[in-house]
Amino acid sequence: MIRFLFRFLGFWLMAGAFVALVVDGTRSIAATDIVFTSAARTWFSLSPGTLELAQAKVIALSPVAWTAVVNPLLNLPLFFLLGLVGVICLAIGRVPARSPFEAT
Protein backbone atom coordinates (compact mmCIF):
# COMPACT_ATOMS: atom_id res chain seq x y z
CA MET A 1 0.00 0.00 0.00
CA ILE A 2 2.83 2.41 0.84
CA ARG A 3 4.58 1.58 -2.44
CA PHE A 4 1.39 2.41 -4.30
CA LEU A 5 1.19 5.81 -2.59
CA PHE A 6 4.80 6.63 -3.46
CA ARG A 7 4.26 5.57 -7.08
CA PHE A 8 1.00 7.54 -7.28
CA LEU A 9 2.64 10.65 -5.85
CA GLY A 10 5.70 10.14 -8.06
CA PHE A 11 3.63 9.95 -11.25
CA TRP A 12 1.69 13.09 -10.32
CA LEU A 13 4.91 14.94 -9.58
CA MET A 14 6.39 13.82 -12.90
CA ALA A 15 3.23 15.01 -14.66
CA GLY A 16 3.57 18.36 -12.90
CA ALA A 17 7.21 18.54 -13.95
CA PHE A 18 6.22 17.92 -17.56
CA VAL A 19 3.57 20.66 -17.41
CA ALA A 20 6.09 23.08 -15.87
CA LEU A 21 8.59 22.19 -18.60
CA VAL A 22 5.99 22.86 -21.31
CA VAL A 23 5.08 26.21 -19.72
CA ASP A 24 8.75 27.21 -19.49
CA GLY A 25 9.30 26.08 -23.07
CA THR A 26 6.37 28.13 -24.28
CA ARG A 27 7.61 31.19 -22.41
CA SER A 28 11.10 30.65 -23.80
CA ILE A 29 9.80 30.50 -27.36
CA ALA A 30 7.72 33.63 -26.85
CA ALA A 31 10.64 35.53 -25.30
CA THR A 32 13.23 34.16 -27.77
CA ASP A 33 15.41 33.49 -24.74
CA ILE A 34 15.67 30.67 -22.21
CA VAL A 35 13.21 31.32 -19.39
CA PHE A 36 12.93 29.18 -16.25
CA THR A 37 10.33 29.62 -13.53
CA SER A 38 11.80 28.98 -10.10
CA ALA A 39 9.97 26.96 -7.48
CA ALA A 40 10.03 29.96 -5.13
CA ARG A 41 8.39 32.21 -7.72
CA THR A 42 5.67 29.66 -8.37
CA TRP A 43 5.08 29.08 -4.65
CA PHE A 44 4.94 32.84 -4.06
CA SER A 45 2.45 33.35 -6.89
CA LEU A 46 0.20 30.55 -5.60
CA SER A 47 0.35 31.31 -1.87
CA PRO A 48 2.68 34.08 -0.65
CA GLY A 49 1.59 33.70 2.97
CA THR A 50 2.65 30.07 3.25
CA LEU A 51 6.04 30.79 1.68
CA GLU A 52 6.69 33.56 4.19
CA LEU A 53 5.46 31.33 7.04
CA ALA A 54 7.75 28.49 5.95
CA GLN A 55 10.67 30.90 5.66
CA ALA A 56 10.03 32.27 9.15
CA LYS A 57 9.80 28.78 10.66
CA VAL A 58 12.97 27.53 8.99
CA ILE A 59 14.89 30.67 9.94
CA ALA A 60 13.65 30.29 13.54
CA LEU A 61 15.06 26.76 13.59
CA SER A 62 18.31 27.55 11.80
CA PRO A 63 19.13 30.59 9.65
CA VAL A 64 21.92 28.61 7.99
CA ALA A 65 19.43 25.96 6.87
CA TRP A 66 17.44 28.58 4.95
CA THR A 67 20.44 30.16 3.23
CA ALA A 68 22.40 26.97 2.58
CA VAL A 69 19.71 24.36 1.86
CA VAL A 70 16.15 25.59 1.33
CA ASN A 71 16.80 28.79 -0.61
CA PRO A 72 19.05 27.13 -3.24
CA LEU A 73 16.47 24.35 -3.66
CA LEU A 74 13.67 26.86 -4.16
CA ASN A 75 15.73 28.74 -6.74
CA LEU A 76 15.93 25.65 -8.95
CA PRO A 77 13.60 25.52 -11.96
CA LEU A 78 10.23 24.13 -10.97
CA PHE A 79 10.29 21.34 -13.57
CA PHE A 80 13.66 20.13 -12.28
CA LEU A 81 12.62 20.15 -8.62
CA LEU A 82 9.31 18.39 -9.30
CA GLY A 83 11.03 15.86 -11.55
CA LEU A 84 13.72 15.16 -8.95
CA VAL A 85 11.22 14.58 -6.16
CA GLY A 86 9.05 12.53 -8.54
CA VAL A 87 11.93 10.26 -9.51
CA ILE A 88 12.82 9.77 -5.83
CA CYS A 89 9.21 8.84 -5.02
CA LEU A 90 9.08 6.45 -7.97
CA ALA A 91 12.35 4.85 -6.88
CA ILE A 92 11.06 4.38 -3.34
CA GLY A 93 7.79 2.90 -4.59
CA ARG A 94 9.17 0.65 -7.28
CA VAL A 95 8.14 -2.98 -7.28
CA PRO A 96 11.16 -5.24 -6.83
CA ALA A 97 11.97 -7.48 -9.76
CA ARG A 98 11.04 -11.10 -9.25
CA SER A 99 13.72 -13.70 -9.52
CA PRO A 100 13.16 -16.36 -12.17
CA PHE A 101 14.06 -18.91 -9.49
CA GLU A 102 11.45 -17.67 -7.02
CA ALA A 103 8.52 -19.98 -6.32
CA THR A 104 5.13 -18.43 -6.95
PDB file of N, CA and C in Angstrom:
ATOM      1  N   MET A   1       0.817  -1.191   0.000  1.00  0.00           N
ATOM      2  CA  MET A   1       0.000   0.000   0.000  1.00  0.00           C
ATOM      3  C   MET A   1       0.867   1.264   0.000  1.00  0.00           C
ATOM      4  N   ILE A   2       1.944   1.247   0.785  1.00  0.00           N
ATOM      5  CA  ILE A   2       2.825   2.413   0.835  1.00  0.00           C
ATOM      6  C   ILE A   2       3.529   2.593  -0.510  1.00  0.00           C
ATOM      7  N   ARG A   3       3.939   1.485  -1.125  1.00  0.00           N
ATOM      8  CA  ARG A   3       4.578   1.580  -2.443  1.00  0.00           C
ATOM      9  C   ARG A   3       3.636   2.222  -3.451  1.00  0.00           C
ATOM     10  N   PHE A   4       2.383   1.831  -3.388  1.00  0.00           N
ATOM     11  CA  PHE A   4       1.391   2.415  -4.302  1.00  0.00           C
ATOM     12  C   PHE A   4       1.304   3.927  -4.106  1.00  0.00           C
ATOM     13  N   LEU A   5       1.283   4.373  -2.852  1.00  0.00           N
ATOM     14  CA  LEU A   5       1.185   5.811  -2.585  1.00  0.00           C
ATOM     15  C   LEU A   5       2.405   6.562  -3.106  1.00  0.00           C
ATOM     16  N   PHE A   6       3.592   5.987  -2.927  1.00  0.00           N
ATOM     17  CA  PHE A   6       4.800   6.625  -3.455  1.00  0.00           C
ATOM     18  C   PHE A   6       4.777   6.669  -4.984  1.00  0.00           C
ATOM     19  N   ARG A   7       4.342   5.575  -5.610  1.00  0.00           N
ATOM     20  CA  ARG A   7       4.258   5.572  -7.076  1.00  0.00           C
ATOM     21  C   ARG A   7       3.220   6.562  -7.563  1.00  0.00           C
ATOM     22  N   PHE A   8       2.070   6.611  -6.903  1.00  0.00           N
ATOM     23  CA  PHE A   8       0.999   7.535  -7.280  1.00  0.00           C
ATOM     24  C   PHE A   8       1.489   8.972  -7.169  1.00  0.00           C
ATOM     25  N   LEU A   9       2.105   9.310  -6.048  1.00  0.00           N
ATOM     26  CA  LEU A   9       2.641  10.654  -5.852  1.00  0.00           C
ATOM     27  C   LEU A   9       3.748  10.947  -6.861  1.00  0.00           C
ATOM     28  N   GLY A  10       4.606   9.968  -7.111  1.00  0.00           N
ATOM     29  CA  GLY A  10       5.699  10.144  -8.065  1.00  0.00           C
ATOM     30  C   GLY A  10       5.203  10.424  -9.475  1.00  0.00           C
ATOM     31  N   PHE A  11       4.172   9.710  -9.911  1.00  0.00           N
ATOM     32  CA  PHE A  11       3.632   9.948 -11.254  1.00  0.00           C
ATOM     33  C   PHE A  11       2.985  11.325 -11.357  1.00  0.00           C
ATOM     34  N   TRP A  12       2.279  11.761 -10.307  1.00  0.00           N
ATOM     35  CA  TRP A  12       1.688  13.091 -10.321  1.00  0.00           C
ATOM     36  C   TRP A  12       2.753  14.174 -10.337  1.00  0.00           C
ATOM     37  N   LEU A  13       3.826  13.963  -9.571  1.00  0.00           N
ATOM     38  CA  LEU A  13       4.915  14.942  -9.575  1.00  0.00           C
ATOM     39  C   LEU A  13       5.606  14.987 -10.934  1.00  0.00           C
ATOM     40  N   MET A  14       5.779  13.836 -11.565  1.00  0.00           N
ATOM     41  CA  MET A  14       6.386  13.817 -12.900  1.00  0.00           C
ATOM     42  C   MET A  14       5.474  14.503 -13.920  1.00  0.00           C
ATOM     43  N   ALA A  15       4.165  14.322 -13.773  1.00  0.00           N
ATOM     44  CA  ALA A  15       3.229  15.010 -14.660  1.00  0.00           C
ATOM     45  C   ALA A  15       3.311  16.518 -14.446  1.00  0.00           C
ATOM     46  N   GLY A  16       3.413  16.936 -13.196  1.00  0.00           N
ATOM     47  CA  GLY A  16       3.567  18.362 -12.898  1.00  0.00           C
ATOM     48  C   GLY A  16       4.863  18.916 -13.452  1.00  0.00           C
ATOM     49  N   ALA A  17       5.929  18.110 -13.384  1.00  0.00           N
ATOM     50  CA  ALA A  17       7.213  18.537 -13.945  1.00  0.00           C
ATOM     51  C   ALA A  17       7.109  18.709 -15.455  1.00  0.00           C
ATOM     52  N   PHE A  18       6.391  17.809 -16.107  1.00  0.00           N
ATOM     53  CA  PHE A  18       6.218  17.920 -17.556  1.00  0.00           C
ATOM     54  C   PHE A  18       5.420  19.171 -17.917  1.00  0.00           C
ATOM     55  N   VAL A  19       4.378  19.460 -17.152  1.00  0.00           N
ATOM     56  CA  VAL A  19       3.572  20.662 -17.406  1.00  0.00           C
ATOM     57  C   VAL A  19       4.427  21.912 -17.200  1.00  0.00           C
ATOM     58  N   ALA A  20       5.223  21.931 -16.123  1.00  0.00           N
ATOM     59  CA  ALA A  20       6.094  23.083 -15.867  1.00  0.00           C
ATOM     60  C   ALA A  20       7.124  23.241 -16.983  1.00  0.00           C
ATOM     61  N   LEU A  21       7.629  22.129 -17.502  1.00  0.00           N
ATOM     62  CA  LEU A  21       8.592  22.188 -18.605  1.00  0.00           C
ATOM     63  C   LEU A  21       7.935  22.747 -19.866  1.00  0.00           C
ATOM     64  N   VAL A  22       6.715  22.341 -20.140  1.00  0.00           N
ATOM     65  CA  VAL A  22       5.995  22.864 -21.312  1.00  0.00           C
ATOM     66  C   VAL A  22       5.730  24.357 -21.155  1.00  0.00           C
ATOM     67  N   VAL A  23       5.333  24.782 -19.966  1.00  0.00           N
ATOM     68  CA  VAL A  23       5.081  26.206 -19.723  1.00  0.00           C
ATOM     69  C   VAL A  23       6.369  27.003 -19.905  1.00  0.00           C
ATOM     70  N   ASP A  24       7.471  26.516 -19.327  1.00  0.00           N
ATOM     71  CA  ASP A  24       8.753  27.208 -19.493  1.00  0.00           C
ATOM     72  C   ASP A  24       9.193  27.216 -20.954  1.00  0.00           C
ATOM     73  N   GLY A  25       8.958  26.129 -21.659  1.00  0.00           N
ATOM     74  CA  GLY A  25       9.303  26.078 -23.074  1.00  0.00           C
ATOM     75  C   GLY A  25       8.497  27.064 -23.889  1.00  0.00           C
ATOM     76  N   THR A  26       7.224  27.172 -23.587  1.00  0.00           N
ATOM     77  CA  THR A  26       6.369  28.132 -24.284  1.00  0.00           C
ATOM     78  C   THR A  26       6.810  29.562 -24.012  1.00  0.00           C
ATOM     79  N   ARG A  27       7.119  29.854 -22.753  1.00  0.00           N
ATOM     80  CA  ARG A  27       7.605  31.193 -22.409  1.00  0.00           C
ATOM     81  C   ARG A  27       8.951  31.477 -23.071  1.00  0.00           C
ATOM     82  N   SER A  28       9.798  30.459 -23.169  1.00  0.00           N
ATOM     83  CA  SER A  28      11.100  30.647 -23.802  1.00  0.00           C
ATOM     84  C   SER A  28      10.947  30.943 -25.293  1.00  0.00           C
ATOM     85  N   ILE A  29      10.031  30.247 -25.943  1.00  0.00           N
ATOM     86  CA  ILE A  29       9.799  30.500 -27.362  1.00  0.00           C
ATOM     87  C   ILE A  29       9.247  31.897 -27.569  1.00  0.00           C
ATOM     88  N   ALA A  30       8.318  32.303 -26.709  1.00  0.00           N
ATOM     89  CA  ALA A  30       7.720  33.631 -26.846  1.00  0.00           C
ATOM     90  C   ALA A  30       8.729  34.744 -26.577  1.00  0.00           C
ATOM     91  N   ALA A  31       9.659  34.495 -25.657  1.00  0.00           N
ATOM     92  CA  ALA A  31      10.637  35.533 -25.301  1.00  0.00           C
ATOM     93  C   ALA A  31      11.901  35.445 -26.149  1.00  0.00           C
ATOM     94  N   THR A  32      12.022  34.437 -26.986  1.00  0.00           N
ATOM     95  CA  THR A  32      13.226  34.157 -27.773  1.00  0.00           C
ATOM     96  C   THR A  32      14.476  34.156 -26.900  1.00  0.00           C
ATOM     97  N   ASP A  33      14.316  33.647 -25.692  1.00  0.00           N
ATOM     98  CA  ASP A  33      15.410  33.495 -24.743  1.00  0.00           C
ATOM     99  C   ASP A  33      15.009  32.364 -23.796  1.00  0.00           C
ATOM    100  N   ILE A  34      15.981  31.755 -23.142  1.00  0.00           N
ATOM    101  CA  ILE A  34      15.667  30.674 -22.213  1.00  0.00           C
ATOM    102  C   ILE A  34      15.104  31.267 -20.928  1.00  0.00           C
ATOM    103  N   VAL A  35      13.896  30.821 -20.573  1.00  0.00           N
ATOM    104  CA  VAL A  35      13.207  31.323 -19.388  1.00  0.00           C
ATOM    105  C   VAL A  35      12.859  30.139 -18.495  1.00  0.00           C
ATOM    106  N   PHE A  36      13.283  30.204 -17.232  1.00  0.00           N
ATOM    107  CA  PHE A  36      12.930  29.182 -16.252  1.00  0.00           C
ATOM    108  C   PHE A  36      12.149  29.827 -15.129  1.00  0.00           C
ATOM    109  N   THR A  37      11.107  29.156 -14.673  1.00  0.00           N
ATOM    110  CA  THR A  37      10.335  29.623 -13.530  1.00  0.00           C
ATOM    111  C   THR A  37      10.835  28.879 -12.302  1.00  0.00           C
ATOM    112  N   SER A  38      11.285  29.623 -11.294  1.00  0.00           N
ATOM    113  CA  SER A  38      11.800  28.977 -10.096  1.00  0.00           C
ATOM    114  C   SER A  38      10.648  28.468  -9.237  1.00  0.00           C
ATOM    115  N   ALA A  39      10.973  27.505  -8.387  1.00  0.00           N
ATOM    116  CA  ALA A  39       9.967  26.959  -7.482  1.00  0.00           C
ATOM    117  C   ALA A  39       9.499  28.023  -6.501  1.00  0.00           C
ATOM    118  N   ALA A  40      10.407  28.898  -6.067  1.00  0.00           N
ATOM    119  CA  ALA A  40      10.029  29.957  -5.130  1.00  0.00           C
ATOM    120  C   ALA A  40       9.054  30.930  -5.770  1.00  0.00           C
ATOM    121  N   ARG A  41       9.290  31.272  -7.019  1.00  0.00           N
ATOM    122  CA  ARG A  41       8.391  32.211  -7.716  1.00  0.00           C
ATOM    123  C   ARG A  41       7.005  31.599  -7.879  1.00  0.00           C
ATOM    124  N   THR A  42       6.956  30.329  -8.225  1.00  0.00           N
ATOM    125  CA  THR A  42       5.670  29.657  -8.374  1.00  0.00           C
ATOM    126  C   THR A  42       4.948  29.564  -7.042  1.00  0.00           C
ATOM    127  N   TRP A  43       5.675  29.185  -5.984  1.00  0.00           N
ATOM    128  CA  TRP A  43       5.081  29.083  -4.652  1.00  0.00           C
ATOM    129  C   TRP A  43       4.560  30.450  -4.218  1.00  0.00           C
ATOM    130  N   PHE A  44       5.354  31.504  -4.462  1.00  0.00           N
ATOM    131  CA  PHE A  44       4.935  32.841  -4.064  1.00  0.00           C
ATOM    132  C   PHE A  44       3.700  33.293  -4.836  1.00  0.00           C
ATOM    133  N   SER A  45       3.625  32.944  -6.110  1.00  0.00           N
ATOM    134  CA  SER A  45       2.452  33.355  -6.894  1.00  0.00           C
ATOM    135  C   SER A  45       1.203  32.577  -6.491  1.00  0.00           C
ATOM    136  N   LEU A  46       1.358  31.339  -6.020  1.00  0.00           N
ATOM    137  CA  LEU A  46       0.203  30.549  -5.603  1.00  0.00           C
ATOM    138  C   LEU A  46      -0.253  30.885  -4.189  1.00  0.00           C
ATOM    139  N   SER A  47       0.710  31.072  -3.269  1.00  0.00           N
ATOM    140  CA  SER A  47       0.353  31.314  -1.871  1.00  0.00           C
ATOM    141  C   SER A  47       1.500  32.023  -1.162  1.00  0.00           C
ATOM    142  N   PRO A  48       1.556  33.348  -1.247  1.00  0.00           N
ATOM    143  CA  PRO A  48       2.681  34.076  -0.652  1.00  0.00           C
ATOM    144  C   PRO A  48       2.742  33.951   0.866  1.00  0.00           C
ATOM    145  N   GLY A  49       1.599  33.813   1.512  1.00  0.00           N
ATOM    146  CA  GLY A  49       1.587  33.704   2.971  1.00  0.00           C
ATOM    147  C   GLY A  49       2.267  32.447   3.477  1.00  0.00           C
ATOM    148  N   THR A  50       2.041  31.320   2.795  1.00  0.00           N
ATOM    149  CA  THR A  50       2.652  30.075   3.253  1.00  0.00           C
ATOM    150  C   THR A  50       4.153  30.063   2.998  1.00  0.00           C
ATOM    151  N   LEU A  51       4.600  30.706   1.924  1.00  0.00           N
ATOM    152  CA  LEU A  51       6.039  30.791   1.679  1.00  0.00           C
ATOM    153  C   LEU A  51       6.709  31.606   2.777  1.00  0.00           C
ATOM    154  N   GLU A  52       6.115  32.730   3.125  1.00  0.00           N
ATOM    155  CA  GLU A  52       6.690  33.563   4.187  1.00  0.00           C
ATOM    156  C   GLU A  52       6.642  32.844   5.528  1.00  0.00           C
ATOM    157  N   LEU A  53       5.572  32.096   5.799  1.00  0.00           N
ATOM    158  CA  LEU A  53       5.465  31.332   7.038  1.00  0.00           C
ATOM    159  C   LEU A  53       6.534  30.245   7.096  1.00  0.00           C
ATOM    160  N   ALA A  54       6.723  29.533   5.988  1.00  0.00           N
ATOM    161  CA  ALA A  54       7.754  28.490   5.947  1.00  0.00           C
ATOM    162  C   ALA A  54       9.133  29.098   6.136  1.00  0.00           C
ATOM    163  N   GLN A  55       9.379  30.235   5.503  1.00  0.00           N
ATOM    164  CA  GLN A  55      10.673  30.901   5.656  1.00  0.00           C
ATOM    165  C   GLN A  55      10.898  31.304   7.110  1.00  0.00           C
ATOM    166  N   ALA A  56       9.891  31.860   7.751  1.00  0.00           N
ATOM    167  CA  ALA A  56      10.027  32.274   9.147  1.00  0.00           C
ATOM    168  C   ALA A  56      10.291  31.079  10.061  1.00  0.00           C
ATOM    169  N   LYS A  57       9.603  29.971   9.820  1.00  0.00           N
ATOM    170  CA  LYS A  57       9.796  28.783  10.664  1.00  0.00           C
ATOM    171  C   LYS A  57      11.181  28.179  10.474  1.00  0.00           C
ATOM    172  N   VAL A  58      11.645  28.107   9.234  1.00  0.00           N
ATOM    173  CA  VAL A  58      12.973  27.531   8.986  1.00  0.00           C
ATOM    174  C   VAL A  58      14.056  28.434   9.553  1.00  0.00           C
ATOM    175  N   ILE A  59      13.905  29.734   9.393  1.00  0.00           N
ATOM    176  CA  ILE A  59      14.894  30.669   9.937  1.00  0.00           C
ATOM    177  C   ILE A  59      14.885  30.619  11.458  1.00  0.00           C
ATOM    178  N   ALA A  60      13.714  30.418  12.075  1.00  0.00           N
ATOM    179  CA  ALA A  60      13.653  30.294  13.536  1.00  0.00           C
ATOM    180  C   ALA A  60      14.400  29.055  14.011  1.00  0.00           C
ATOM    181  N   LEU A  61      14.331  27.977  13.225  1.00  0.00           N
ATOM    182  CA  LEU A  61      15.061  26.760  13.590  1.00  0.00           C
ATOM    183  C   LEU A  61      16.556  26.916  13.355  1.00  0.00           C
ATOM    184  N   SER A  62      16.902  27.388  12.154  1.00  0.00           N
ATOM    185  CA  SER A  62      18.308  27.548  11.800  1.00  0.00           C
ATOM    186  C   SER A  62      18.423  28.469  10.599  1.00  0.00           C
ATOM    187  N   PRO A  63      18.975  29.672  10.796  1.00  0.00           N
ATOM    188  CA  PRO A  63      19.129  30.587   9.655  1.00  0.00           C
ATOM    189  C   PRO A  63      20.043  30.022   8.567  1.00  0.00           C
ATOM    190  N   VAL A  64      21.001  29.207   8.966  1.00  0.00           N
ATOM    191  CA  VAL A  64      21.922  28.612   7.992  1.00  0.00           C
ATOM    192  C   VAL A  64      21.179  27.627   7.095  1.00  0.00           C
ATOM    193  N   ALA A  65      20.197  26.932   7.667  1.00  0.00           N
ATOM    194  CA  ALA A  65      19.429  25.963   6.868  1.00  0.00           C
ATOM    195  C   ALA A  65      18.680  26.661   5.740  1.00  0.00           C
ATOM    196  N   TRP A  66      18.158  27.857   6.002  1.00  0.00           N
ATOM    197  CA  TRP A  66      17.440  28.581   4.947  1.00  0.00           C
ATOM    198  C   TRP A  66      18.392  29.019   3.852  1.00  0.00           C
ATOM    199  N   THR A  67      19.528  29.611   4.236  1.00  0.00           N
ATOM    200  CA  THR A  67      20.436  30.161   3.229  1.00  0.00           C
ATOM    201  C   THR A  67      21.235  29.082   2.511  1.00  0.00           C
ATOM    202  N   ALA A  68      21.531  27.982   3.181  1.00  0.00           N
ATOM    203  CA  ALA A  68      22.398  26.969   2.581  1.00  0.00           C
ATOM    204  C   ALA A  68      21.640  25.820   1.924  1.00  0.00           C
ATOM    205  N   VAL A  69      20.419  25.542   2.369  1.00  0.00           N
ATOM    206  CA  VAL A  69      19.709  24.363   1.856  1.00  0.00           C
ATOM    207  C   VAL A  69      18.405  24.738   1.145  1.00  0.00           C
ATOM    208  N   VAL A  70      17.505  25.373   1.864  1.00  0.00           N
ATOM    209  CA  VAL A  70      16.152  25.589   1.335  1.00  0.00           C
ATOM    210  C   VAL A  70      16.146  26.620   0.213  1.00  0.00           C
ATOM    211  N   ASN A  71      16.812  27.743   0.405  1.00  0.00           N
ATOM    212  CA  ASN A  71      16.802  28.792  -0.614  1.00  0.00           C
ATOM    213  C   ASN A  71      17.405  28.322  -1.948  1.00  0.00           C
ATOM    214  N   PRO A  72      18.555  27.632  -1.944  1.00  0.00           N
ATOM    215  CA  PRO A  72      19.047  27.126  -3.244  1.00  0.00           C
ATOM    216  C   PRO A  72      18.101  26.116  -3.895  1.00  0.00           C
ATOM    217  N   LEU A  73      17.423  25.297  -3.093  1.00  0.00           N
ATOM    218  CA  LEU A  73      16.467  24.350  -3.665  1.00  0.00           C
ATOM    219  C   LEU A  73      15.278  25.072  -4.289  1.00  0.00           C
ATOM    220  N   LEU A  74      14.812  26.120  -3.622  1.00  0.00           N
ATOM    221  CA  LEU A  74      13.669  26.855  -4.157  1.00  0.00           C
ATOM    222  C   LEU A  74      14.035  27.701  -5.365  1.00  0.00           C
ATOM    223  N   ASN A  75      15.306  27.979  -5.567  1.00  0.00           N
ATOM    224  CA  ASN A  75      15.727  28.745  -6.738  1.00  0.00           C
ATOM    225  C   ASN A  75      15.961  27.865  -7.962  1.00  0.00           C
ATOM    226  N   LEU A  76      15.830  26.550  -7.808  1.00  0.00           N
ATOM    227  CA  LEU A  76      15.927  25.647  -8.951  1.00  0.00           C
ATOM    228  C   LEU A  76      14.691  25.814  -9.830  1.00  0.00           C
ATOM    229  N   PRO A  77      14.806  25.493 -11.117  1.00  0.00           N
ATOM    230  CA  PRO A  77      13.600  25.518 -11.964  1.00  0.00           C
ATOM    231  C   PRO A  77      12.558  24.538 -11.431  1.00  0.00           C
ATOM    232  N   LEU A  78      11.312  24.937 -11.527  1.00  0.00           N
ATOM    233  CA  LEU A  78      10.229  24.129 -10.973  1.00  0.00           C
ATOM    234  C   LEU A  78      10.183  22.744 -11.603  1.00  0.00           C
ATOM    235  N   PHE A  79      10.368  22.659 -12.919  1.00  0.00           N
ATOM    236  CA  PHE A  79      10.290  21.344 -13.572  1.00  0.00           C
ATOM    237  C   PHE A  79      11.383  20.411 -13.070  1.00  0.00           C
ATOM    238  N   PHE A  80      12.566  20.957 -12.778  1.00  0.00           N
ATOM    239  CA  PHE A  80      13.662  20.127 -12.284  1.00  0.00           C
ATOM    240  C   PHE A  80      13.378  19.630 -10.872  1.00  0.00           C
ATOM    241  N   LEU A  81      12.893  20.523 -10.004  1.00  0.00           N
ATOM    242  CA  LEU A  81      12.620  20.148  -8.622  1.00  0.00           C
ATOM    243  C   LEU A  81      11.493  19.125  -8.544  1.00  0.00           C
ATOM    244  N   LEU A  82      10.400  19.360  -9.292  1.00  0.00           N
ATOM    245  CA  LEU A  82       9.309  18.392  -9.302  1.00  0.00           C
ATOM    246  C   LEU A  82       9.751  17.051  -9.884  1.00  0.00           C
ATOM    247  N   GLY A  83      10.535  17.097 -10.946  1.00  0.00           N
ATOM    248  CA  GLY A  83      11.035  15.862 -11.551  1.00  0.00           C
ATOM    249  C   GLY A  83      11.947  15.096 -10.616  1.00  0.00           C
ATOM    250  N   LEU A  84      12.797  15.806  -9.897  1.00  0.00           N
ATOM    251  CA  LEU A  84      13.719  15.156  -8.955  1.00  0.00           C
ATOM    252  C   LEU A  84      12.959  14.468  -7.830  1.00  0.00           C
ATOM    253  N   VAL A  85      12.009  15.175  -7.238  1.00  0.00           N
ATOM    254  CA  VAL A  85      11.216  14.580  -6.160  1.00  0.00           C
ATOM    255  C   VAL A  85      10.352  13.446  -6.709  1.00  0.00           C
ATOM    256  N   GLY A  86       9.834  13.593  -7.922  1.00  0.00           N
ATOM    257  CA  GLY A  86       9.048  12.531  -8.538  1.00  0.00           C
ATOM    258  C   GLY A  86       9.855  11.273  -8.785  1.00  0.00           C
ATOM    259  N   VAL A  87      11.072  11.428  -9.275  1.00  0.00           N
ATOM    260  CA  VAL A  87      11.933  10.261  -9.505  1.00  0.00           C
ATOM    261  C   VAL A  87      12.276   9.571  -8.187  1.00  0.00           C
ATOM    262  N   ILE A  88      12.518  10.353  -7.145  1.00  0.00           N
ATOM    263  CA  ILE A  88      12.816   9.771  -5.833  1.00  0.00           C
ATOM    264  C   ILE A  88      11.609   8.990  -5.320  1.00  0.00           C
ATOM    265  N   CYS A  89      10.411   9.557  -5.451  1.00  0.00           N
ATOM    266  CA  CYS A  89       9.205   8.840  -5.022  1.00  0.00           C
ATOM    267  C   CYS A  89       8.997   7.566  -5.835  1.00  0.00           C
ATOM    268  N   LEU A  90       9.219   7.643  -7.137  1.00  0.00           N
ATOM    269  CA  LEU A  90       9.076   6.449  -7.968  1.00  0.00           C
ATOM    270  C   LEU A  90      10.115   5.385  -7.608  1.00  0.00           C
ATOM    271  N   ALA A  91      11.317   5.814  -7.266  1.00  0.00           N
ATOM    272  CA  ALA A  91      12.354   4.847  -6.875  1.00  0.00           C
ATOM    273  C   ALA A  91      12.006   4.182  -5.545  1.00  0.00           C
ATOM    274  N   ILE A  92      11.455   4.954  -4.622  1.00  0.00           N
ATOM    275  CA  ILE A  92      11.058   4.376  -3.336  1.00  0.00           C
ATOM    276  C   ILE A  92       9.906   3.400  -3.530  1.00  0.00           C
ATOM    277  N   GLY A  93       8.976   3.725  -4.408  1.00  0.00           N
ATOM    278  CA  GLY A  93       7.789   2.897  -4.589  1.00  0.00           C
ATOM    279  C   GLY A  93       7.892   1.833  -5.649  1.00  0.00           C
ATOM    280  N   ARG A  94       9.077   1.629  -6.200  1.00  0.00           N
ATOM    281  CA  ARG A  94       9.175   0.650  -7.283  1.00  0.00           C
ATOM    282  C   ARG A  94       8.947  -0.760  -6.764  1.00  0.00           C
ATOM    283  N   VAL A  95       8.385  -1.580  -7.618  1.00  0.00           N
ATOM    284  CA  VAL A  95       8.140  -2.978  -7.282  1.00  0.00           C
ATOM    285  C   VAL A  95       9.421  -3.747  -7.567  1.00  0.00           C
ATOM    286  N   PRO A  96       9.922  -4.505  -6.586  1.00  0.00           N
ATOM    287  CA  PRO A  96      11.161  -5.240  -6.829  1.00  0.00           C
ATOM    288  C   PRO A  96      10.975  -6.299  -7.918  1.00  0.00           C
ATOM    289  N   ALA A  97      12.016  -6.483  -8.691  1.00  0.00           N
ATOM    290  CA  ALA A  97      11.974  -7.483  -9.763  1.00  0.00           C
ATOM    291  C   ALA A  97      11.941  -8.881  -9.154  1.00  0.00           C
ATOM    292  N   ARG A  98      11.136  -9.717  -9.752  1.00  0.00           N
ATOM    293  CA  ARG A  98      11.036 -11.096  -9.254  1.00  0.00           C
ATOM    294  C   ARG A  98      12.148 -11.938  -9.866  1.00  0.00           C
ATOM    295  N   SER A  99      12.682 -12.799  -9.063  1.00  0.00           N
ATOM    296  CA  SER A  99      13.716 -13.696  -9.519  1.00  0.00           C
ATOM    297  C   SER A  99      13.072 -14.832 -10.328  1.00  0.00           C
ATOM    298  N   PRO A 100      13.734 -15.250 -11.406  1.00  0.00           N
ATOM    299  CA  PRO A 100      13.158 -16.364 -12.168  1.00  0.00           C
ATOM    300  C   PRO A 100      13.171 -17.683 -11.379  1.00  0.00           C
ATOM    301  N   PHE A 101      13.946 -17.702 -10.286  1.00  0.00           N
ATOM    302  CA  PHE A 101      14.064 -18.910  -9.486  1.00  0.00           C
ATOM    303  C   PHE A 101      13.111 -18.896  -8.277  1.00  0.00           C
ATOM    304  N   GLU A 102      12.357 -17.809  -8.154  1.00  0.00           N
ATOM    305  CA  GLU A 102      11.451 -17.668  -7.020  1.00  0.00           C
ATOM    306  C   GLU A 102      10.181 -18.486  -7.253  1.00  0.00           C
ATOM    307  N   ALA A 103       9.752 -19.204  -6.222  1.00  0.00           N
ATOM    308  CA  ALA A 103       8.522 -19.982  -6.318  1.00  0.00           C
ATOM    309  C   ALA A 103       7.335 -19.049  -6.194  1.00  0.00           C
ATOM    310  N   THR A 104       6.329 -19.284  -7.020  1.00  0.00           N
ATOM    311  CA  THR A 104       5.135 -18.428  -6.954  1.00  0.00           C
ATOM    312  C   THR A 104       3.999 -19.088  -6.266  1.00  0.00           C
TER     313      THR A 104
END
